[in-house]
PDB file of N, CA and C in Angstrom:
ATOM      1  N   MET A   1     -16.899 -16.491  -2.247  1.00  0.00           N
ATOM      2  CA  MET A   1     -16.013 -16.562  -1.148  1.00  0.00           C
ATOM      3  C   MET A   1     -14.912 -15.580  -1.443  1.00  0.00           C
ATOM      4  N   LYS A   2     -14.352 -14.743  -0.049  1.00  0.00           N
ATOM      5  CA  LYS A   2     -13.348 -14.164  -0.534  1.00  0.00           C
ATOM      6  C   LYS A   2     -12.323 -14.420   0.339  1.00  0.00           C
ATOM      7  N   ALA A   3     -11.134 -14.201  -0.001  1.00  0.00           N
ATOM      8  CA  ALA A   3      -9.880 -14.421   0.659  1.00  0.00           C
ATOM      9  C   ALA A   3      -9.135 -13.114   0.714  1.00  0.00           C
ATOM     10  N   LYS A   4      -8.434 -13.101   1.948  1.00  0.00           N
ATOM     11  CA  LYS A   4      -7.528 -11.731   2.242  1.00  0.00           C
ATOM     12  C   LYS A   4      -6.370 -12.341   2.427  1.00  0.00           C
ATOM     13  N   VAL A   5      -5.317 -12.222   1.638  1.00  0.00           N
ATOM     14  CA  VAL A   5      -3.588 -12.657   1.947  1.00  0.00           C
ATOM     15  C   VAL A   5      -2.943 -11.421   2.377  1.00  0.00           C
ATOM     16  N   HIS A   6      -2.166 -11.387   3.505  1.00  0.00           N
ATOM     17  CA  HIS A   6      -1.322 -10.639   4.036  1.00  0.00           C
ATOM     18  C   HIS A   6       0.364 -10.991   3.737  1.00  0.00           C
ATOM     19  N   VAL A   7       1.089 -10.201   3.083  1.00  0.00           N
ATOM     20  CA  VAL A   7       2.223 -10.457   2.651  1.00  0.00           C
ATOM     21  C   VAL A   7       3.126  -9.729   3.525  1.00  0.00           C
ATOM     22  N   MET A   8       4.130 -10.051   4.210  1.00  0.00           N
ATOM     23  CA  MET A   8       5.154  -9.160   4.924  1.00  0.00           C
ATOM     24  C   MET A   8       6.535  -9.889   4.508  1.00  0.00           C
ATOM     25  N   LEU A   9       7.586  -8.809   4.590  1.00  0.00           N
ATOM     26  CA  LEU A   9       8.936  -9.287   4.602  1.00  0.00           C
ATOM     27  C   LEU A   9       9.164 -10.245   5.949  1.00  0.00           C
ATOM     28  N   LYS A  10       9.980 -11.215   5.740  1.00  0.00           N
ATOM     29  CA  LYS A  10      10.253 -11.941   6.921  1.00  0.00           C
ATOM     30  C   LYS A  10      11.150 -11.163   7.855  1.00  0.00           C
ATOM     31  N   ASN A  11      11.135 -11.575   9.102  1.00  0.00           N
ATOM     32  CA  ASN A  11      11.987 -10.705  10.128  1.00  0.00           C
ATOM     33  C   ASN A  11      13.447 -11.052   9.435  1.00  0.00           C
ATOM     34  N   GLY A  12      14.143  -9.986   9.709  1.00  0.00           N
ATOM     35  CA  GLY A  12      15.693  -9.840   9.286  1.00  0.00           C
ATOM     36  C   GLY A  12      15.960  -9.602   7.857  1.00  0.00           C
ATOM     37  N   VAL A  13      14.821  -9.384   7.024  1.00  0.00           N
ATOM     38  CA  VAL A  13      15.015  -8.896   5.724  1.00  0.00           C
ATOM     39  C   VAL A  13      15.068  -7.395   5.748  1.00  0.00           C
ATOM     40  N   LEU A  14      16.005  -6.752   5.291  1.00  0.00           N
ATOM     41  CA  LEU A  14      15.994  -5.431   5.128  1.00  0.00           C
ATOM     42  C   LEU A  14      14.625  -5.025   4.240  1.00  0.00           C
ATOM     43  N   ASP A  15      14.028  -3.850   5.048  1.00  0.00           N
ATOM     44  CA  ASP A  15      12.725  -3.195   4.525  1.00  0.00           C
ATOM     45  C   ASP A  15      13.023  -1.718   4.262  1.00  0.00           C
ATOM     46  N   PRO A  16      13.531  -1.602   2.974  1.00  0.00           N
ATOM     47  CA  PRO A  16      13.745  -0.117   2.688  1.00  0.00           C
ATOM     48  C   PRO A  16      12.391   1.029   2.775  1.00  0.00           C
ATOM     49  N   GLN A  17      11.474   0.374   2.051  1.00  0.00           N
ATOM     50  CA  GLN A  17      10.240   1.258   2.159  1.00  0.00           C
ATOM     51  C   GLN A  17       9.571   1.419   3.574  1.00  0.00           C
ATOM     52  N   GLY A  18       9.856   0.580   4.556  1.00  0.00           N
ATOM     53  CA  GLY A  18       9.656   0.831   6.004  1.00  0.00           C
ATOM     54  C   GLY A  18      10.419   1.624   6.464  1.00  0.00           C
ATOM     55  N   GLU A  19      11.753   1.758   6.198  1.00  0.00           N
ATOM     56  CA  GLU A  19      12.487   2.708   6.654  1.00  0.00           C
ATOM     57  C   GLU A  19      12.294   4.287   6.057  1.00  0.00           C
ATOM     58  N   ALA A  20      12.031   4.154   4.981  1.00  0.00           N
ATOM     59  CA  ALA A  20      11.647   5.488   4.432  1.00  0.00           C
ATOM     60  C   ALA A  20      10.217   6.226   4.995  1.00  0.00           C
ATOM     61  N   VAL A  21       9.503   5.003   5.358  1.00  0.00           N
ATOM     62  CA  VAL A  21       8.239   5.690   5.849  1.00  0.00           C
ATOM     63  C   VAL A  21       8.453   6.285   7.348  1.00  0.00           C
ATOM     64  N   ARG A  22       9.196   5.404   8.074  1.00  0.00           N
ATOM     65  CA  ARG A  22       9.927   5.592   9.458  1.00  0.00           C
ATOM     66  C   ARG A  22      10.817   7.221   9.324  1.00  0.00           C
ATOM     67  N   HIS A  23      11.462   7.410   8.363  1.00  0.00           N
ATOM     68  CA  HIS A  23      12.149   8.395   8.291  1.00  0.00           C
ATOM     69  C   HIS A  23      11.293   9.732   7.922  1.00  0.00           C
ATOM     70  N   ALA A  24      10.449   9.597   7.185  1.00  0.00           N
ATOM     71  CA  ALA A  24       9.377  10.614   6.875  1.00  0.00           C
ATOM     72  C   ALA A  24       8.272  10.859   7.833  1.00  0.00           C
ATOM     73  N   LEU A  25       7.930   9.723   8.888  1.00  0.00           N
ATOM     74  CA  LEU A  25       7.254  10.142   9.807  1.00  0.00           C
ATOM     75  C   LEU A  25       7.855  11.070  10.839  1.00  0.00           C
ATOM     76  N   GLY A  26       9.083  10.875  11.016  1.00  0.00           N
ATOM     77  CA  GLY A  26      10.118  11.476  12.012  1.00  0.00           C
ATOM     78  C   GLY A  26      10.121  13.179  11.383  1.00  0.00           C
ATOM     79  N   ALA A  27      10.372  13.174  10.067  1.00  0.00           N
ATOM     80  CA  ALA A  27      10.557  14.403   9.466  1.00  0.00           C
ATOM     81  C   ALA A  27       9.058  15.343   9.375  1.00  0.00           C
ATOM     82  N   LEU A  28       8.093  14.610   9.742  1.00  0.00           N
ATOM     83  CA  LEU A  28       6.803  15.387   9.997  1.00  0.00           C
ATOM     84  C   LEU A  28       6.554  15.569  11.504  1.00  0.00           C
ATOM     85  N   GLY A  29       7.462  15.202  12.375  1.00  0.00           N
ATOM     86  CA  GLY A  29       7.146  15.459  13.835  1.00  0.00           C
ATOM     87  C   GLY A  29       6.495  14.428  14.531  1.00  0.00           C
ATOM     88  N   PHE A  30       6.331  13.292  13.615  1.00  0.00           N
ATOM     89  CA  PHE A  30       5.982  12.116  14.849  1.00  0.00           C
ATOM     90  C   PHE A  30       7.118  11.390  15.391  1.00  0.00           C
ATOM     91  N   GLU A  31       7.277  11.664  16.761  1.00  0.00           N
ATOM     92  CA  GLU A  31       8.443  11.087  17.231  1.00  0.00           C
ATOM     93  C   GLU A  31       7.915   9.780  17.916  1.00  0.00           C
ATOM     94  N   GLY A  32       9.289   8.719  18.408  1.00  0.00           N
ATOM     95  CA  GLY A  32       8.940   7.588  18.981  1.00  0.00           C
ATOM     96  C   GLY A  32       8.517   6.595  18.168  1.00  0.00           C
ATOM     97  N   VAL A  33       8.376   6.558  16.844  1.00  0.00           N
ATOM     98  CA  VAL A  33       8.458   5.451  15.679  1.00  0.00           C
ATOM     99  C   VAL A  33      10.034   4.831  15.486  1.00  0.00           C
ATOM    100  N   GLU A  34      10.199   3.709  16.137  1.00  0.00           N
ATOM    101  CA  GLU A  34      11.263   3.181  16.130  1.00  0.00           C
ATOM    102  C   GLU A  34      11.608   2.150  14.840  1.00  0.00           C
ATOM    103  N   GLY A  35      10.409   1.702  14.326  1.00  0.00           N
ATOM    104  CA  GLY A  35      10.467   0.918  13.122  1.00  0.00           C
ATOM    105  C   GLY A  35       9.327   0.632  12.563  1.00  0.00           C
ATOM    106  N   VAL A  36       9.442   0.416  11.153  1.00  0.00           N
ATOM    107  CA  VAL A  36       8.268   0.394  10.552  1.00  0.00           C
ATOM    108  C   VAL A  36       8.484  -1.033   9.316  1.00  0.00           C
ATOM    109  N   ARG A  37       7.676  -1.853   9.273  1.00  0.00           N
ATOM    110  CA  ARG A  37       7.621  -2.971   8.381  1.00  0.00           C
ATOM    111  C   ARG A  37       6.354  -2.738   7.446  1.00  0.00           C
ATOM    112  N   GLN A  38       6.740  -2.770   6.120  1.00  0.00           N
ATOM    113  CA  GLN A  38       5.481  -2.620   5.300  1.00  0.00           C
ATOM    114  C   GLN A  38       5.374  -3.652   4.514  1.00  0.00           C
ATOM    115  N   GLY A  39       4.201  -4.072   4.168  1.00  0.00           N
ATOM    116  CA  GLY A  39       3.553  -5.322   3.500  1.00  0.00           C
ATOM    117  C   GLY A  39       2.556  -4.794   2.360  1.00  0.00           C
ATOM    118  N   LYS A  40       1.795  -5.757   2.010  1.00  0.00           N
ATOM    119  CA  LYS A  40       0.884  -5.672   1.164  1.00  0.00           C
ATOM    120  C   LYS A  40      -0.282  -6.669   1.462  1.00  0.00           C
ATOM    121  N   VAL A  41      -1.739  -6.211   1.204  1.00  0.00           N
ATOM    122  CA  VAL A  41      -2.727  -6.967   1.328  1.00  0.00           C
ATOM    123  C   VAL A  41      -3.376  -7.289   0.037  1.00  0.00           C
ATOM    124  N   ILE A  42      -3.789  -8.387  -0.418  1.00  0.00           N
ATOM    125  CA  ILE A  42      -4.542  -9.006  -1.591  1.00  0.00           C
ATOM    126  C   ILE A  42      -5.564  -9.581  -1.149  1.00  0.00           C
ATOM    127  N   GLU A  43      -6.764  -8.908  -1.825  1.00  0.00           N
ATOM    128  CA  GLU A  43      -8.260  -9.536  -1.760  1.00  0.00           C
ATOM    129  C   GLU A  43      -8.506 -10.490  -3.004  1.00  0.00           C
ATOM    130  N   LEU A  44      -9.077 -11.589  -2.716  1.00  0.00           N
ATOM    131  CA  LEU A  44      -9.324 -12.250  -3.863  1.00  0.00           C
ATOM    132  C   LEU A  44     -10.826 -12.770  -3.675  1.00  0.00           C
ATOM    133  N   GLU A  45     -11.651 -12.801  -4.718  1.00  0.00           N
ATOM    134  CA  GLU A  45     -13.026 -12.883  -4.817  1.00  0.00           C
ATOM    135  C   GLU A  45     -13.011 -14.472  -5.468  1.00  0.00           C
ATOM    136  N   LEU A  46     -13.322 -15.285  -4.819  1.00  0.00           N
ATOM    137  CA  LEU A  46     -13.600 -16.908  -5.375  1.00  0.00           C
ATOM    138  C   LEU A  46     -14.626 -17.326  -5.713  1.00  0.00           C
ATOM    139  N   SER A  47     -14.864 -18.221  -6.642  1.00  0.00           N
ATOM    140  CA  SER A  47     -16.180 -18.909  -7.026  1.00  0.00           C
ATOM    141  C   SER A  47     -16.372 -20.278  -6.111  1.00  0.00           C
ATOM    142  N   GLU A  48     -14.840 -20.677  -5.658  1.00  0.00           N
ATOM    143  CA  GLU A  48     -14.849 -21.952  -4.854  1.00  0.00           C
ATOM    144  C   GLU A  48     -15.749 -21.830  -3.330  1.00  0.00           C
ATOM    145  N   THR A  49     -16.565 -22.622  -2.910  1.00  0.00           N
ATOM    146  CA  THR A  49     -17.409 -22.710  -2.003  1.00  0.00           C
ATOM    147  C   THR A  49     -17.036 -23.512  -0.721  1.00  0.00           C
ATOM    148  N   ASP A  50     -16.359 -24.248  -1.028  1.00  0.00           N
ATOM    149  CA  ASP A  50     -15.633 -25.295  -0.122  1.00  0.00           C
ATOM    150  C   ASP A  50     -14.282 -24.572   0.635  1.00  0.00           C
ATOM    151  N   PRO A  51     -14.597 -24.280   1.896  1.00  0.00           N
ATOM    152  CA  PRO A  51     -13.501 -23.299   2.350  1.00  0.00           C
ATOM    153  C   PRO A  51     -11.796 -24.247   2.546  1.00  0.00           C
ATOM    154  N   ALA A  52     -11.982 -25.310   2.910  1.00  0.00           N
ATOM    155  CA  ALA A  52     -10.882 -26.180   2.650  1.00  0.00           C
ATOM    156  C   ALA A  52     -10.206 -26.028   1.504  1.00  0.00           C
ATOM    157  N   LYS A  53     -11.066 -26.148   0.423  1.00  0.00           N
ATOM    158  CA  LYS A  53     -10.515 -26.275  -1.326  1.00  0.00           C
ATOM    159  C   LYS A  53      -9.958 -24.567  -1.427  1.00  0.00           C
ATOM    160  N   ALA A  54     -10.537 -23.827  -1.072  1.00  0.00           N
ATOM    161  CA  ALA A  54     -10.520 -22.368  -1.118  1.00  0.00           C
ATOM    162  C   ALA A  54      -9.040 -21.943  -0.605  1.00  0.00           C
ATOM    163  N   GLU A  55      -9.082 -22.269   0.722  1.00  0.00           N
ATOM    164  CA  GLU A  55      -7.647 -22.151   1.320  1.00  0.00           C
ATOM    165  C   GLU A  55      -6.448 -22.866   0.581  1.00  0.00           C
ATOM    166  N   GLU A  56      -6.634 -23.987   0.433  1.00  0.00           N
ATOM    167  CA  GLU A  56      -5.664 -24.909  -0.601  1.00  0.00           C
ATOM    168  C   GLU A  56      -4.931 -23.933  -1.645  1.00  0.00           C
ATOM    169  N   ASN A  57      -6.120 -23.622  -2.569  1.00  0.00           N
ATOM    170  CA  ASN A  57      -5.806 -22.927  -3.770  1.00  0.00           C
ATOM    171  C   ASN A  57      -5.403 -21.409  -3.623  1.00  0.00           C
ATOM    172  N   VAL A  58      -5.590 -20.594  -2.646  1.00  0.00           N
ATOM    173  CA  VAL A  58      -5.065 -19.560  -2.365  1.00  0.00           C
ATOM    174  C   VAL A  58      -3.411 -19.690  -1.795  1.00  0.00           C
ATOM    175  N   ARG A  59      -3.449 -20.731  -1.001  1.00  0.00           N
ATOM    176  CA  ARG A  59      -1.851 -21.081  -0.512  1.00  0.00           C
ATOM    177  C   ARG A  59      -1.234 -21.375  -1.768  1.00  0.00           C
ATOM    178  N   ALA A  60      -1.734 -22.064  -2.793  1.00  0.00           N
ATOM    179  CA  ALA A  60      -0.949 -22.369  -4.081  1.00  0.00           C
ATOM    180  C   ALA A  60      -0.744 -21.277  -4.781  1.00  0.00           C
ATOM    181  N   MET A  61      -1.631 -20.238  -4.753  1.00  0.00           N
ATOM    182  CA  MET A  61      -1.558 -19.050  -5.570  1.00  0.00           C
ATOM    183  C   MET A  61      -0.057 -18.043  -4.926  1.00  0.00           C
ATOM    184  N   CYS A  62      -0.112 -18.249  -3.415  1.00  0.00           N
ATOM    185  CA  CYS A  62       0.845 -17.418  -2.932  1.00  0.00           C
ATOM    186  C   CYS A  62       2.218 -17.959  -2.885  1.00  0.00           C
ATOM    187  N   GLU A  63       2.248 -19.400  -2.974  1.00  0.00           N
ATOM    188  CA  GLU A  63       3.210 -20.107  -3.254  1.00  0.00           C
ATOM    189  C   GLU A  63       3.973 -19.783  -4.751  1.00  0.00           C
ATOM    190  N   LYS A  64       3.124 -19.575  -5.838  1.00  0.00           N
ATOM    191  CA  LYS A  64       3.543 -19.794  -6.986  1.00  0.00           C
ATOM    192  C   LYS A  64       3.606 -18.099  -7.567  1.00  0.00           C
ATOM    193  N   LEU A  65       2.776 -17.185  -7.073  1.00  0.00           N
ATOM    194  CA  LEU A  65       2.873 -15.840  -7.670  1.00  0.00           C
ATOM    195  C   LEU A  65       2.801 -14.723  -6.566  1.00  0.00           C
ATOM    196  N   LEU A  66       1.682 -14.800  -5.377  1.00  0.00           N
ATOM    197  CA  LEU A  66       1.559 -13.681  -4.828  1.00  0.00           C
ATOM    198  C   LEU A  66       2.663 -13.396  -3.739  1.00  0.00           C
ATOM    199  N   ALA A  67       3.501 -14.425  -3.468  1.00  0.00           N
ATOM    200  CA  ALA A  67       4.347 -13.864  -2.129  1.00  0.00           C
ATOM    201  C   ALA A  67       5.774 -14.469  -2.795  1.00  0.00           C
ATOM    202  N   ASN A  68       6.789 -13.826  -2.413  1.00  0.00           N
ATOM    203  CA  ASN A  68       8.308 -14.609  -2.955  1.00  0.00           C
ATOM    204  C   ASN A  68       8.504 -15.171  -1.485  1.00  0.00           C
ATOM    205  N   THR A  69       8.176 -16.273  -1.521  1.00  0.00           N
ATOM    206  CA  THR A  69       8.585 -17.109  -0.119  1.00  0.00           C
ATOM    207  C   THR A  69       9.880 -17.012   0.350  1.00  0.00           C
ATOM    208  N   VAL A  70      10.875 -16.684  -0.311  1.00  0.00           N
ATOM    209  CA  VAL A  70      12.247 -16.721   0.200  1.00  0.00           C
ATOM    210  C   VAL A  70      12.552 -15.745   0.943  1.00  0.00           C
ATOM    211  N   ILE A  71      11.839 -14.443   0.721  1.00  0.00           N
ATOM    212  CA  ILE A  71      11.835 -13.187   1.724  1.00  0.00           C
ATOM    213  C   ILE A  71      10.666 -12.745   2.446  1.00  0.00           C
ATOM    214  N   GLU A  72       9.472 -13.384   1.991  1.00  0.00           N
ATOM    215  CA  GLU A  72       8.198 -12.844   2.384  1.00  0.00           C
ATOM    216  C   GLU A  72       7.510 -14.029   2.975  1.00  0.00           C
ATOM    217  N   SER A  73       6.885 -13.747   3.991  1.00  0.00           N
ATOM    218  CA  SER A  73       5.834 -14.617   4.565  1.00  0.00           C
ATOM    219  C   SER A  73       4.417 -14.227   4.272  1.00  0.00           C
ATOM    220  N   TYR A  74       3.470 -15.166   4.663  1.00  0.00           N
ATOM    221  CA  TYR A  74       2.072 -14.774   4.249  1.00  0.00           C
ATOM    222  C   TYR A  74       1.041 -15.412   5.148  1.00  0.00           C
ATOM    223  N   SER A  75      -0.207 -14.836   5.289  1.00  0.00           N
ATOM    224  CA  SER A  75      -1.049 -15.324   5.876  1.00  0.00           C
ATOM    225  C   SER A  75      -2.598 -15.371   5.194  1.00  0.00           C
ATOM    226  N   VAL A  76      -3.413 -16.333   5.241  1.00  0.00           N
ATOM    227  CA  VAL A  76      -4.471 -16.323   4.452  1.00  0.00           C
ATOM    228  C   VAL A  76      -5.776 -16.255   5.583  1.00  0.00           C
ATOM    229  N   LYS A  77      -6.858 -15.144   5.146  1.00  0.00           N
ATOM    230  CA  LYS A  77      -8.105 -15.435   5.823  1.00  0.00           C
ATOM    231  C   LYS A  77      -9.128 -15.353   4.835  1.00  0.00           C
ATOM    232  N   LEU A  78      -9.847 -16.510   5.078  1.00  0.00           N
ATOM    233  CA  LEU A  78     -11.138 -16.706   4.454  1.00  0.00           C
ATOM    234  C   LEU A  78     -12.540 -15.948   4.991  1.00  0.00           C
ATOM    235  N   ALA A  79     -13.365 -15.337   4.220  1.00  0.00           N
ATOM    236  CA  ALA A  79     -14.405 -14.653   4.587  1.00  0.00           C
ATOM    237  C   ALA A  79     -15.816 -14.938   3.877  1.00  0.00           C
TER     238      ALA A  79
END
């Protein structure tokens, strides 16, 4: 089973990488980009076959390692 985790900074948290991308896009002539939020995607290959148990395990991974839950939010999708 595969799991895909999307991690993003929470709203209101300064995103300096996103701001750098927004600025660079403007410098390259791409106008009208008013904001950029940058995140990360983590793909996991799991041996677990029970979807409920797999999601529970991945959420535990996010809480303990994959996301800084103080400033980041995450979502989990199983495939």
